[in-house]
Amino acid sequence: MIALGLVRDLFFRSKIDAVASALGAAVTYASDLDGAVRRCTELKPAVVFADLSDASFPPLDTARRIRGAAPDARLVGFASHIDLKPLQAARDAGFELTLSRSEFTARLADLLQGK
């Protein structure tokens, strides 16, 4: 399974990479929406997860552009548990799953295995 992370936080990327490595999963990253669209077109990821706390990935634009490039990808957003506005915006924009950052971390192995 190929996953695309719209995550610019290098510390958090290292956490994701550790889980992915243990599972033998492939994760690639994009630091902006233009790069994300290019990566989706090239790789056709099964799952795309976006750090909604990062202003680089506004939920509505992210959902629209990712859907255009990888319509079959599962779109998952995460943000701080106290940052409710982007989580609601992501649900409204059509993200299949929105999670707090801690929930995302806890479920990451399952997400990378297509569960």
PDB file of N, CA and C in Angstrom:
ATOM      1  N   MET A   1       0.846  -1.182   0.000  1.00  0.00           N
ATOM      2  CA  MET A   1       0.000   0.000   0.000  1.00  0.00           C
ATOM      3  C   MET A   1       0.889   1.243   0.000  1.00  0.00           C
ATOM      4  N   ILE A   2       0.484   2.202  -0.793  1.00  0.00           N
ATOM      5  CA  ILE A   2       1.194   3.483  -0.829  1.00  0.00           C
ATOM      6  C   ILE A   2       0.334   4.514  -0.119  1.00  0.00           C
ATOM      7  N   ALA A   3       0.961   5.271   0.763  1.00  0.00           N
ATOM      8  CA  ALA A   3       0.283   6.351   1.481  1.00  0.00           C
ATOM      9  C   ALA A   3       0.998   7.658   1.181  1.00  0.00           C
ATOM     10  N   LEU A   4       0.226   8.723   1.111  1.00  0.00           N
ATOM     11  CA  LEU A   4       0.771  10.060   0.930  1.00  0.00           C
ATOM     12  C   LEU A   4       0.432  10.881   2.157  1.00  0.00           C
ATOM     13  N   GLY A   5       1.441  11.450   2.776  1.00  0.00           N
ATOM     14  CA  GLY A   5       1.240  12.301   3.941  1.00  0.00           C
ATOM     15  C   GLY A   5       1.412  13.762   3.585  1.00  0.00           C
ATOM     16  N   LEU A   6       0.407  14.544   3.858  1.00  0.00           N
ATOM     17  CA  LEU A   6       0.488  15.993   3.701  1.00  0.00           C
ATOM     18  C   LEU A   6       0.852  16.532   5.081  1.00  0.00           C
ATOM     19  N   VAL A   7       2.116  16.354   5.387  1.00  0.00           N
ATOM     20  CA  VAL A   7       2.644  16.628   6.723  1.00  0.00           C
ATOM     21  C   VAL A   7       3.985  17.324   6.554  1.00  0.00           C
ATOM     22  N   ARG A   8       4.111  18.510   7.133  1.00  0.00           N
ATOM     23  CA  ARG A   8       5.373  19.243   7.042  1.00  0.00           C
ATOM     24  C   ARG A   8       6.189  19.151   8.324  1.00  0.00           C
ATOM     25  N   ASP A   9       5.592  18.729   9.406  1.00  0.00           N
ATOM     26  CA  ASP A   9       6.248  18.617  10.707  1.00  0.00           C
ATOM     27  C   ASP A   9       7.217  17.429  10.667  1.00  0.00           C
ATOM     28  N   LEU A  10       8.510  17.710  10.654  1.00  0.00           N
ATOM     29  CA  LEU A  10       9.516  16.657  10.511  1.00  0.00           C
ATOM     30  C   LEU A  10       9.521  15.684  11.691  1.00  0.00           C
ATOM     31  N   PHE A  11       9.263  16.181  12.880  1.00  0.00           N
ATOM     32  CA  PHE A  11       9.194  15.305  14.048  1.00  0.00           C
ATOM     33  C   PHE A  11       8.047  14.308  13.894  1.00  0.00           C
ATOM     34  N   PHE A  12       6.896  14.798  13.467  1.00  0.00           N
ATOM     35  CA  PHE A  12       5.740  13.917  13.308  1.00  0.00           C
ATOM     36  C   PHE A  12       5.961  12.948  12.145  1.00  0.00           C
ATOM     37  N   ARG A  13       6.624  13.409  11.094  1.00  0.00           N
ATOM     38  CA  ARG A  13       6.961  12.510   9.986  1.00  0.00           C
ATOM     39  C   ARG A  13       7.792  11.330  10.472  1.00  0.00           C
ATOM     40  N   SER A  14       8.714  11.596  11.396  1.00  0.00           N
ATOM     41  CA  SER A  14       9.555  10.505  11.884  1.00  0.00           C
ATOM     42  C   SER A  14       8.719   9.469  12.635  1.00  0.00           C
ATOM     43  N   LYS A  15       7.684   9.900  13.343  1.00  0.00           N
ATOM     44  CA  LYS A  15       6.778   8.961  14.015  1.00  0.00           C
ATOM     45  C   LYS A  15       6.038   8.111  12.981  1.00  0.00           C
ATOM     46  N   ILE A  16       5.552   8.765  11.950  1.00  0.00           N
ATOM     47  CA  ILE A  16       4.837   8.059  10.884  1.00  0.00           C
ATOM     48  C   ILE A  16       5.770   7.058  10.213  1.00  0.00           C
ATOM     49  N   ASP A  17       6.980   7.497   9.904  1.00  0.00           N
ATOM     50  CA  ASP A  17       7.950   6.628   9.237  1.00  0.00           C
ATOM     51  C   ASP A  17       8.292   5.401  10.077  1.00  0.00           C
ATOM     52  N   ALA A  18       8.379   5.562  11.388  1.00  0.00           N
ATOM     53  CA  ALA A  18       8.696   4.428  12.260  1.00  0.00           C
ATOM     54  C   ALA A  18       7.595   3.369  12.189  1.00  0.00           C
ATOM     55  N   VAL A  19       6.355   3.792  12.221  1.00  0.00           N
ATOM     56  CA  VAL A  19       5.235   2.844  12.132  1.00  0.00           C
ATOM     57  C   VAL A  19       5.220   2.201  10.748  1.00  0.00           C
ATOM     58  N   ALA A  20       5.377   3.008   9.719  1.00  0.00           N
ATOM     59  CA  ALA A  20       5.358   2.483   8.352  1.00  0.00           C
ATOM     60  C   ALA A  20       6.483   1.475   8.137  1.00  0.00           C
ATOM     61  N   SER A  21       7.654   1.787   8.624  1.00  0.00           N
ATOM     62  CA  SER A  21       8.798   0.893   8.468  1.00  0.00           C
ATOM     63  C   SER A  21       8.542  -0.458   9.137  1.00  0.00           C
ATOM     64  N   ALA A  22       7.964  -0.427  10.321  1.00  0.00           N
ATOM     65  CA  ALA A  22       7.663  -1.662  11.034  1.00  0.00           C
ATOM     66  C   ALA A  22       6.657  -2.523  10.279  1.00  0.00           C
ATOM     67  N   LEU A  23       5.804  -1.880   9.486  1.00  0.00           N
ATOM     68  CA  LEU A  23       4.775  -2.609   8.733  1.00  0.00           C
ATOM     69  C   LEU A  23       5.211  -2.939   7.313  1.00  0.00           C
ATOM     70  N   GLY A  24       6.320  -2.360   6.874  1.00  0.00           N
ATOM     71  CA  GLY A  24       6.736  -2.527   5.483  1.00  0.00           C
ATOM     72  C   GLY A  24       5.898  -1.709   4.518  1.00  0.00           C
ATOM     73  N   ALA A  25       5.291  -0.649   5.020  1.00  0.00           N
ATOM     74  CA  ALA A  25       4.445   0.219   4.196  1.00  0.00           C
ATOM     75  C   ALA A  25       5.277   1.350   3.591  1.00  0.00           C
ATOM     76  N   ALA A  26       4.828   1.846   2.464  1.00  0.00           N
ATOM     77  CA  ALA A  26       5.502   2.958   1.798  1.00  0.00           C
ATOM     78  C   ALA A  26       4.740   4.249   2.065  1.00  0.00           C
ATOM     79  N   VAL A  27       5.427   5.234   2.610  1.00  0.00           N
ATOM     80  CA  VAL A  27       4.836   6.555   2.834  1.00  0.00           C
ATOM     81  C   VAL A  27       5.715   7.573   2.136  1.00  0.00           C
ATOM     82  N   THR A  28       5.082   8.426   1.368  1.00  0.00           N
ATOM     83  CA  THR A  28       5.777   9.544   0.757  1.00  0.00           C
ATOM     84  C   THR A  28       5.080  10.809   1.227  1.00  0.00           C
ATOM     85  N   TYR A  29       5.727  11.940   1.069  1.00  0.00           N
ATOM     86  CA  TYR A  29       5.196  13.183   1.631  1.00  0.00           C
ATOM     87  C   TYR A  29       5.152  14.286   0.587  1.00  0.00           C
ATOM     88  N   ALA A  30       4.280  15.232   0.854  1.00  0.00           N
ATOM     89  CA  ALA A  30       4.225  16.471   0.078  1.00  0.00           C
ATOM     90  C   ALA A  30       4.125  17.617   1.065  1.00  0.00           C
ATOM     91  N   SER A  31       4.789  18.711   0.743  1.00  0.00           N
ATOM     92  CA  SER A  31       4.815  19.869   1.644  1.00  0.00           C
ATOM     93  C   SER A  31       3.861  20.971   1.227  1.00  0.00           C
ATOM     94  N   ASP A  32       3.212  20.799   0.085  1.00  0.00           N
ATOM     95  CA  ASP A  32       2.213  21.776  -0.359  1.00  0.00           C
ATOM     96  C   ASP A  32       1.220  21.069  -1.275  1.00  0.00           C
ATOM     97  N   LEU A  33       0.123  21.740  -1.598  1.00  0.00           N
ATOM     98  CA  LEU A  33      -0.920  21.091  -2.389  1.00  0.00           C
ATOM     99  C   LEU A  33      -0.487  20.796  -3.820  1.00  0.00           C
ATOM    100  N   ASP A  34       0.307  21.666  -4.415  1.00  0.00           N
ATOM    101  CA  ASP A  34       0.779  21.392  -5.776  1.00  0.00           C
ATOM    102  C   ASP A  34       1.599  20.106  -5.800  1.00  0.00           C
ATOM    103  N   GLY A  35       2.488  19.961  -4.833  1.00  0.00           N
ATOM    104  CA  GLY A  35       3.282  18.742  -4.730  1.00  0.00           C
ATOM    105  C   GLY A  35       2.418  17.528  -4.445  1.00  0.00           C
ATOM    106  N   ALA A  36       1.389  17.713  -3.633  1.00  0.00           N
ATOM    107  CA  ALA A  36       0.482  16.605  -3.312  1.00  0.00           C
ATOM    108  C   ALA A  36      -0.246  16.118  -4.558  1.00  0.00           C
ATOM    109  N   VAL A  37      -0.690  17.041  -5.374  1.00  0.00           N
ATOM    110  CA  VAL A  37      -1.386  16.666  -6.605  1.00  0.00           C
ATOM    111  C   VAL A  37      -0.445  15.910  -7.534  1.00  0.00           C
ATOM    112  N   ARG A  38       0.785  16.388  -7.670  1.00  0.00           N
ATOM    113  CA  ARG A  38       1.766  15.684  -8.511  1.00  0.00           C
ATOM    114  C   ARG A  38       2.007  14.267  -7.989  1.00  0.00           C
ATOM    115  N   ARG A  39       2.190  14.140  -6.670  1.00  0.00           N
ATOM    116  CA  ARG A  39       2.460  12.824  -6.075  1.00  0.00           C
ATOM    117  C   ARG A  39       1.252  11.889  -6.253  1.00  0.00           C
ATOM    118  N   CYS A  40       0.049  12.423  -6.110  1.00  0.00           N
ATOM    119  CA  CYS A  40      -1.154  11.604  -6.304  1.00  0.00           C
ATOM    120  C   CYS A  40      -1.248  11.104  -7.738  1.00  0.00           C
ATOM    121  N   THR A  41      -0.954  11.973  -8.685  1.00  0.00           N
ATOM    122  CA  THR A  41      -1.003  11.592 -10.093  1.00  0.00           C
ATOM    123  C   THR A  41       0.025  10.506 -10.396  1.00  0.00           C
ATOM    124  N   GLU A  42       1.221  10.639  -9.824  1.00  0.00           N
ATOM    125  CA  GLU A  42       2.301   9.670 -10.060  1.00  0.00           C
ATOM    126  C   GLU A  42       2.053   8.338  -9.357  1.00  0.00           C
ATOM    127  N   LEU A  43       1.651   8.391  -8.098  1.00  0.00           N
ATOM    128  CA  LEU A  43       1.651   7.203  -7.239  1.00  0.00           C
ATOM    129  C   LEU A  43       0.301   6.526  -7.042  1.00  0.00           C
ATOM    130  N   LYS A  44      -0.790   7.262  -7.244  1.00  0.00           N
ATOM    131  CA  LYS A  44      -2.135   6.747  -6.964  1.00  0.00           C
ATOM    132  C   LYS A  44      -2.196   6.097  -5.576  1.00  0.00           C
ATOM    133  N   PRO A  45      -1.963   6.886  -4.524  1.00  0.00           N
ATOM    134  CA  PRO A  45      -1.943   6.326  -3.166  1.00  0.00           C
ATOM    135  C   PRO A  45      -3.309   5.776  -2.753  1.00  0.00           C
ATOM    136  N   ALA A  46      -3.282   4.786  -1.885  1.00  0.00           N
ATOM    137  CA  ALA A  46      -4.517   4.215  -1.350  1.00  0.00           C
ATOM    138  C   ALA A  46      -5.102   5.107  -0.264  1.00  0.00           C
ATOM    139  N   VAL A  47      -4.229   5.808   0.454  1.00  0.00           N
ATOM    140  CA  VAL A  47      -4.664   6.692   1.525  1.00  0.00           C
ATOM    141  C   VAL A  47      -3.831   7.972   1.482  1.00  0.00           C
ATOM    142  N   VAL A  48      -4.515   9.083   1.724  1.00  0.00           N
ATOM    143  CA  VAL A  48      -3.852  10.381   1.844  1.00  0.00           C
ATOM    144  C   VAL A  48      -4.252  10.934   3.193  1.00  0.00           C
ATOM    145  N   PHE A  49      -3.266  11.262   4.017  1.00  0.00           N
ATOM    146  CA  PHE A  49      -3.592  11.867   5.301  1.00  0.00           C
ATOM    147  C   PHE A  49      -2.988  13.259   5.374  1.00  0.00           C
ATOM    148  N   ALA A  50      -3.806  14.187   5.906  1.00  0.00           N
ATOM    149  CA  ALA A  50      -3.445  15.598   5.908  1.00  0.00           C
ATOM    150  C   ALA A  50      -3.459  16.167   7.316  1.00  0.00           C
ATOM    151  N   ASP A  51      -2.410  16.922   7.615  1.00  0.00           N
ATOM    152  CA  ASP A  51      -2.311  17.652   8.879  1.00  0.00           C
ATOM    153  C   ASP A  51      -3.133  18.929   8.727  1.00  0.00           C
ATOM    154  N   LEU A  52      -4.339  18.900   9.249  1.00  0.00           N
ATOM    155  CA  LEU A  52      -5.266  20.014   9.079  1.00  0.00           C
ATOM    156  C   LEU A  52      -4.923  21.212   9.955  1.00  0.00           C
ATOM    157  N   SER A  53      -3.994  21.050  10.876  1.00  0.00           N
ATOM    158  CA  SER A  53      -3.540  22.174  11.687  1.00  0.00           C
ATOM    159  C   SER A  53      -2.568  23.053  10.915  1.00  0.00           C
ATOM    160  N   ASP A  54      -2.092  22.552   9.793  1.00  0.00           N
ATOM    161  CA  ASP A  54      -1.146  23.276   8.957  1.00  0.00           C
ATOM    162  C   ASP A  54      -1.928  24.068   7.909  1.00  0.00           C
ATOM    163  N   ALA A  55      -1.764  25.370   7.887  1.00  0.00           N
ATOM    164  CA  ALA A  55      -2.490  26.235   6.954  1.00  0.00           C
ATOM    165  C   ALA A  55      -2.189  25.913   5.490  1.00  0.00           C
ATOM    166  N   SER A  56      -1.146  25.156   5.238  1.00  0.00           N
ATOM    167  CA  SER A  56      -0.818  24.764   3.861  1.00  0.00           C
ATOM    168  C   SER A  56      -1.838  23.792   3.275  1.00  0.00           C
ATOM    169  N   PHE A  57      -2.650  23.185   4.135  1.00  0.00           N
ATOM    170  CA  PHE A  57      -3.610  22.179   3.684  1.00  0.00           C
ATOM    171  C   PHE A  57      -5.035  22.526   4.131  1.00  0.00           C
ATOM    172  N   PRO A  58      -5.599  23.607   3.581  1.00  0.00           N
ATOM    173  CA  PRO A  58      -6.974  23.957   3.953  1.00  0.00           C
ATOM    174  C   PRO A  58      -7.920  22.843   3.504  1.00  0.00           C
ATOM    175  N   PRO A  59      -8.815  22.431   4.370  1.00  0.00           N
ATOM    176  CA  PRO A  59      -9.629  21.245   4.097  1.00  0.00           C
ATOM    177  C   PRO A  59     -10.376  21.247   2.760  1.00  0.00           C
ATOM    178  N   LEU A  60     -11.059  22.320   2.425  1.00  0.00           N
ATOM    179  CA  LEU A  60     -11.854  22.322   1.203  1.00  0.00           C
ATOM    180  C   LEU A  60     -10.965  22.199  -0.038  1.00  0.00           C
ATOM    181  N   ASP A  61      -9.919  23.006  -0.120  1.00  0.00           N
ATOM    182  CA  ASP A  61      -9.004  22.931  -1.267  1.00  0.00           C
ATOM    183  C   ASP A  61      -8.292  21.589  -1.310  1.00  0.00           C
ATOM    184  N   THR A  62      -7.892  21.089  -0.166  1.00  0.00           N
ATOM    185  CA  THR A  62      -7.201  19.801  -0.108  1.00  0.00           C
ATOM    186  C   THR A  62      -8.103  18.695  -0.630  1.00  0.00           C
ATOM    187  N   ALA A  63      -9.328  18.638  -0.149  1.00  0.00           N
ATOM    188  CA  ALA A  63     -10.255  17.589  -0.597  1.00  0.00           C
ATOM    189  C   ALA A  63     -10.514  17.706  -2.097  1.00  0.00           C
ATOM    190  N   ARG A  64     -10.773  18.888  -2.575  1.00  0.00           N
ATOM    191  CA  ARG A  64     -11.085  19.086  -3.996  1.00  0.00           C
ATOM    192  C   ARG A  64      -9.918  18.673  -4.884  1.00  0.00           C
ATOM    193  N   ARG A  65      -8.726  19.109  -4.533  1.00  0.00           N
ATOM    194  CA  ARG A  65      -7.566  18.832  -5.382  1.00  0.00           C
ATOM    195  C   ARG A  65      -7.114  17.378  -5.299  1.00  0.00           C
ATOM    196  N   ILE A  66      -7.167  16.796  -4.120  1.00  0.00           N
ATOM    197  CA  ILE A  66      -6.780  15.392  -3.988  1.00  0.00           C
ATOM    198  C   ILE A  66      -7.796  14.500  -4.701  1.00  0.00           C
ATOM    199  N   ARG A  67      -9.070  14.799  -4.553  1.00  0.00           N
ATOM    200  CA  ARG A  67     -10.116  14.026  -5.238  1.00  0.00           C
ATOM    201  C   ARG A  67      -9.931  14.086  -6.754  1.00  0.00           C
ATOM    202  N   GLY A  68      -9.510  15.230  -7.268  1.00  0.00           N
ATOM    203  CA  GLY A  68      -9.283  15.359  -8.702  1.00  0.00           C
ATOM    204  C   GLY A  68      -8.120  14.516  -9.187  1.00  0.00           C
ATOM    205  N   ALA A  69      -7.108  14.358  -8.354  1.00  0.00           N
ATOM    206  CA  ALA A  69      -5.891  13.635  -8.747  1.00  0.00           C
ATOM    207  C   ALA A  69      -5.920  12.156  -8.369  1.00  0.00           C
ATOM    208  N   ALA A  70      -6.615  11.826  -7.298  1.00  0.00           N
ATOM    209  CA  ALA A  70      -6.667  10.434  -6.817  1.00  0.00           C
ATOM    210  C   ALA A  70      -8.056  10.153  -6.251  1.00  0.00           C
ATOM    211  N   PRO A  71      -9.044  10.019  -7.134  1.00  0.00           N
ATOM    212  CA  PRO A  71     -10.429   9.896  -6.664  1.00  0.00           C
ATOM    213  C   PRO A  71     -10.709   8.685  -5.786  1.00  0.00           C
ATOM    214  N   ASP A  72      -9.898   7.643  -5.883  1.00  0.00           N
ATOM    215  CA  ASP A  72     -10.139   6.435  -5.098  1.00  0.00           C
ATOM    216  C   ASP A  72      -9.398   6.411  -3.768  1.00  0.00           C
ATOM    217  N   ALA A  73      -8.548   7.404  -3.519  1.00  0.00           N
ATOM    218  CA  ALA A  73      -7.774   7.428  -2.273  1.00  0.00           C
ATOM    219  C   ALA A  73      -8.694   7.734  -1.082  1.00  0.00           C
ATOM    220  N   ARG A  74      -8.426   7.069   0.022  1.00  0.00           N
ATOM    221  CA  ARG A  74      -9.124   7.380   1.275  1.00  0.00           C
ATOM    222  C   ARG A  74      -8.486   8.642   1.842  1.00  0.00           C
ATOM    223  N   LEU A  75      -9.300   9.625   2.150  1.00  0.00           N
ATOM    224  CA  LEU A  75      -8.806  10.915   2.620  1.00  0.00           C
ATOM    225  C   LEU A  75      -9.042  11.032   4.119  1.00  0.00           C
ATOM    226  N   VAL A  76      -7.934  11.147   4.867  1.00  0.00           N
ATOM    227  CA  VAL A  76      -7.971  11.188   6.331  1.00  0.00           C
ATOM    228  C   VAL A  76      -7.329  12.496   6.789  1.00  0.00           C
ATOM    229  N   GLY A  77      -8.008  13.202   7.657  1.00  0.00           N
ATOM    230  CA  GLY A  77      -7.458  14.440   8.211  1.00  0.00           C
ATOM    231  C   GLY A  77      -7.277  14.323   9.705  1.00  0.00           C
ATOM    232  N   PHE A  78      -6.271  15.023  10.207  1.00  0.00           N
ATOM    233  CA  PHE A  78      -6.059  15.044  11.651  1.00  0.00           C
ATOM    234  C   PHE A  78      -5.631  16.433  12.083  1.00  0.00           C
ATOM    235  N   ALA A  79      -5.934  16.748  13.330  1.00  0.00           N
ATOM    236  CA  ALA A  79      -5.576  18.053  13.912  1.00  0.00           C
ATOM    237  C   ALA A  79      -5.590  17.903  15.429  1.00  0.00           C
ATOM    238  N   SER A  80      -5.115  18.917  16.089  1.00  0.00           N
ATOM    239  CA  SER A  80      -5.145  18.943  17.542  1.00  0.00           C
ATOM    240  C   SER A  80      -6.589  18.769  18.033  1.00  0.00           C
ATOM    241  N   HIS A  81      -6.748  18.076  19.139  1.00  0.00           N
ATOM    242  CA  HIS A  81      -8.091  17.837  19.676  1.00  0.00           C
ATOM    243  C   HIS A  81      -8.786  19.132  20.096  1.00  0.00           C
ATOM    244  N   ILE A  82      -8.041  20.198  20.277  1.00  0.00           N
ATOM    245  CA  ILE A  82      -8.665  21.477  20.639  1.00  0.00           C
ATOM    246  C   ILE A  82      -8.907  22.352  19.410  1.00  0.00           C
ATOM    247  N   ASP A  83      -8.470  21.897  18.252  1.00  0.00           N
ATOM    248  CA  ASP A  83      -8.599  22.649  17.004  1.00  0.00           C
ATOM    249  C   ASP A  83      -9.780  22.080  16.215  1.00  0.00           C
ATOM    250  N   LEU A  84     -10.994  22.356  16.686  1.00  0.00           N
ATOM    251  CA  LEU A  84     -12.192  21.721  16.147  1.00  0.00           C
ATOM    252  C   LEU A  84     -12.608  22.262  14.781  1.00  0.00           C
ATOM    253  N   LYS A  85     -12.304  23.505  14.491  1.00  0.00           N
ATOM    254  CA  LYS A  85     -12.750  24.117  13.237  1.00  0.00           C
ATOM    255  C   LYS A  85     -12.233  23.380  11.994  1.00  0.00           C
ATOM    256  N   PRO A  86     -10.932  23.076  11.893  1.00  0.00           N
ATOM    257  CA  PRO A  86     -10.491  22.360  10.688  1.00  0.00           C
ATOM    258  C   PRO A  86     -11.018  20.926  10.610  1.00  0.00           C
ATOM    259  N   LEU A  87     -11.252  20.296  11.747  1.00  0.00           N
ATOM    260  CA  LEU A  87     -11.814  18.951  11.723  1.00  0.00           C
ATOM    261  C   LEU A  87     -13.235  18.967  11.160  1.00  0.00           C
ATOM    262  N   GLN A  88     -14.039  19.942  11.583  1.00  0.00           N
ATOM    263  CA  GLN A  88     -15.399  20.063  11.055  1.00  0.00           C
ATOM    264  C   GLN A  88     -15.362  20.453   9.578  1.00  0.00           C
ATOM    265  N   ALA A  89     -14.473  21.365   9.217  1.00  0.00           N
ATOM    266  CA  ALA A  89     -14.349  21.772   7.815  1.00  0.00           C
ATOM    267  C   ALA A  89     -13.970  20.579   6.938  1.00  0.00           C
ATOM    268  N   ALA A  90     -13.111  19.716   7.443  1.00  0.00           N
ATOM    269  CA  ALA A  90     -12.708  18.528   6.688  1.00  0.00           C
ATOM    270  C   ALA A  90     -13.890  17.569   6.514  1.00  0.00           C
ATOM    271  N   ARG A  91     -14.669  17.375   7.566  1.00  0.00           N
ATOM    272  CA  ARG A  91     -15.857  16.520   7.442  1.00  0.00           C
ATOM    273  C   ARG A  91     -16.805  17.103   6.398  1.00  0.00           C
ATOM    274  N   ASP A  92     -17.011  18.410   6.458  1.00  0.00           N
ATOM    275  CA  ASP A  92     -17.889  19.081   5.502  1.00  0.00           C
ATOM    276  C   ASP A  92     -17.357  18.987   4.078  1.00  0.00           C
ATOM    277  N   ALA A  93     -16.041  18.953   3.917  1.00  0.00           N
ATOM    278  CA  ALA A  93     -15.407  18.908   2.594  1.00  0.00           C
ATOM    279  C   ALA A  93     -15.381  17.492   2.009  1.00  0.00           C
ATOM    280  N   GLY A  94     -15.690  16.477   2.824  1.00  0.00           N
ATOM    281  CA  GLY A  94     -15.759  15.127   2.308  1.00  0.00           C
ATOM    282  C   GLY A  94     -14.633  14.196   2.703  1.00  0.00           C
ATOM    283  N   PHE A  95     -13.834  14.577   3.694  1.00  0.00           N
ATOM    284  CA  PHE A  95     -12.832  13.645   4.215  1.00  0.00           C
ATOM    285  C   PHE A  95     -13.573  12.440   4.784  1.00  0.00           C
ATOM    286  N   GLU A  96     -13.096  11.235   4.500  1.00  0.00           N
ATOM    287  CA  GLU A  96     -13.745  10.034   5.022  1.00  0.00           C
ATOM    288  C   GLU A  96     -13.588   9.902   6.523  1.00  0.00           C
ATOM    289  N   LEU A  97     -12.474  10.390   7.032  1.00  0.00           N
ATOM    290  CA  LEU A  97     -12.181  10.210   8.444  1.00  0.00           C
ATOM    291  C   LEU A  97     -11.453  11.442   8.961  1.00  0.00           C
ATOM    292  N   THR A  98     -11.885  11.943  10.097  1.00  0.00           N
ATOM    293  CA  THR A  98     -11.182  13.042  10.767  1.00  0.00           C
ATOM    294  C   THR A  98     -10.908  12.610  12.199  1.00  0.00           C
ATOM    295  N   LEU A  99      -9.682  12.848  12.633  1.00  0.00           N
ATOM    296  CA  LEU A  99      -9.234  12.368  13.930  1.00  0.00           C
ATOM    297  C   LEU A  99      -8.421  13.432  14.653  1.00  0.00           C
ATOM    298  N   SER A 100      -8.415  13.331  15.969  1.00  0.00           N
ATOM    299  CA  SER A 100      -7.461  14.147  16.716  1.00  0.00           C
ATOM    300  C   SER A 100      -6.075  13.586  16.415  1.00  0.00           C
ATOM    301  N   ARG A 101      -5.060  14.364  16.680  1.00  0.00           N
ATOM    302  CA  ARG A 101      -3.680  13.931  16.420  1.00  0.00           C
ATOM    303  C   ARG A 101      -3.363  12.636  17.180  1.00  0.00           C
ATOM    304  N   SER A 102      -3.806  12.548  18.423  1.00  0.00           N
ATOM    305  CA  SER A 102      -3.528  11.340  19.215  1.00  0.00           C
ATOM    306  C   SER A 102      -4.299  10.138  18.675  1.00  0.00           C
ATOM    307  N   GLU A 103      -5.536  10.341  18.229  1.00  0.00           N
ATOM    308  CA  GLU A 103      -6.302   9.237  17.623  1.00  0.00           C
ATOM    309  C   GLU A 103      -5.626   8.774  16.330  1.00  0.00           C
ATOM    310  N   PHE A 104      -5.149   9.734  15.549  1.00  0.00           N
ATOM    311  CA  PHE A 104      -4.460   9.394  14.305  1.00  0.00           C
ATOM    312  C   PHE A 104      -3.236   8.535  14.596  1.00  0.00           C
ATOM    313  N   THR A 105      -2.453   8.948  15.568  1.00  0.00           N
ATOM    314  CA  THR A 105      -1.260   8.187  15.937  1.00  0.00           C
ATOM    315  C   THR A 105      -1.638   6.774  16.382  1.00  0.00           C
ATOM    316  N   ALA A 106      -2.682   6.661  17.182  1.00  0.00           N
ATOM    317  CA  ALA A 106      -3.111   5.351  17.683  1.00  0.00           C
ATOM    318  C   ALA A 106      -3.627   4.445  16.567  1.00  0.00           C
ATOM    319  N   ARG A 107      -4.213   5.035  15.531  1.00  0.00           N
ATOM    320  CA  ARG A 107      -4.810   4.239  14.448  1.00  0.00           C
ATOM    321  C   ARG A 107      -3.925   4.143  13.214  1.00  0.00           C
ATOM    322  N   LEU A 108      -2.755   4.738  13.249  1.00  0.00           N
ATOM    323  CA  LEU A 108      -1.903   4.819  12.071  1.00  0.00           C
ATOM    324  C   LEU A 108      -1.583   3.451  11.475  1.00  0.00           C
ATOM    325  N   ALA A 109      -1.237   2.479  12.285  1.00  0.00           N
ATOM    326  CA  ALA A 109      -0.923   1.146  11.745  1.00  0.00           C
ATOM    327  C   ALA A 109      -2.105   0.581  10.963  1.00  0.00           C
ATOM    328  N   ASP A 110      -3.294   0.703  11.493  1.00  0.00           N
ATOM    329  CA  ASP A 110      -4.482   0.217  10.788  1.00  0.00           C
ATOM    330  C   ASP A 110      -4.696   0.978   9.489  1.00  0.00           C
ATOM    331  N   LEU A 111      -4.527   2.286   9.526  1.00  0.00           N
ATOM    332  CA  LEU A 111      -4.706   3.091   8.314  1.00  0.00           C
ATOM    333  C   LEU A 111      -3.714   2.682   7.229  1.00  0.00           C
ATOM    334  N   LEU A 112      -2.490   2.415   7.631  1.00  0.00           N
ATOM    335  CA  LEU A 112      -1.468   2.011   6.654  1.00  0.00           C
ATOM    336  C   LEU A 112      -1.697   0.592   6.134  1.00  0.00           C
ATOM    337  N   GLN A 113      -2.542  -0.166   6.808  1.00  0.00           N
ATOM    338  CA  GLN A 113      -2.880  -1.514   6.356  1.00  0.00           C
ATOM    339  C   GLN A 113      -4.238  -1.551   5.663  1.00  0.00           C
ATOM    340  N   GLY A 114      -4.788  -0.374   5.409  1.00  0.00           N
ATOM    341  CA  GLY A 114      -6.054  -0.309   4.684  1.00  0.00           C
ATOM    342  C   GLY A 114      -7.288  -0.621   5.505  1.00  0.00           C
ATOM    343  N   LYS A 115      -7.145  -0.521   6.811  1.00  0.00           N
ATOM    344  CA  LYS A 115      -8.291  -0.809   7.702  1.00  0.00           C
ATOM    345  C   LYS A 115      -8.999   0.458   8.102  1.00  0.00           C
TER     346      LYS A 115
END
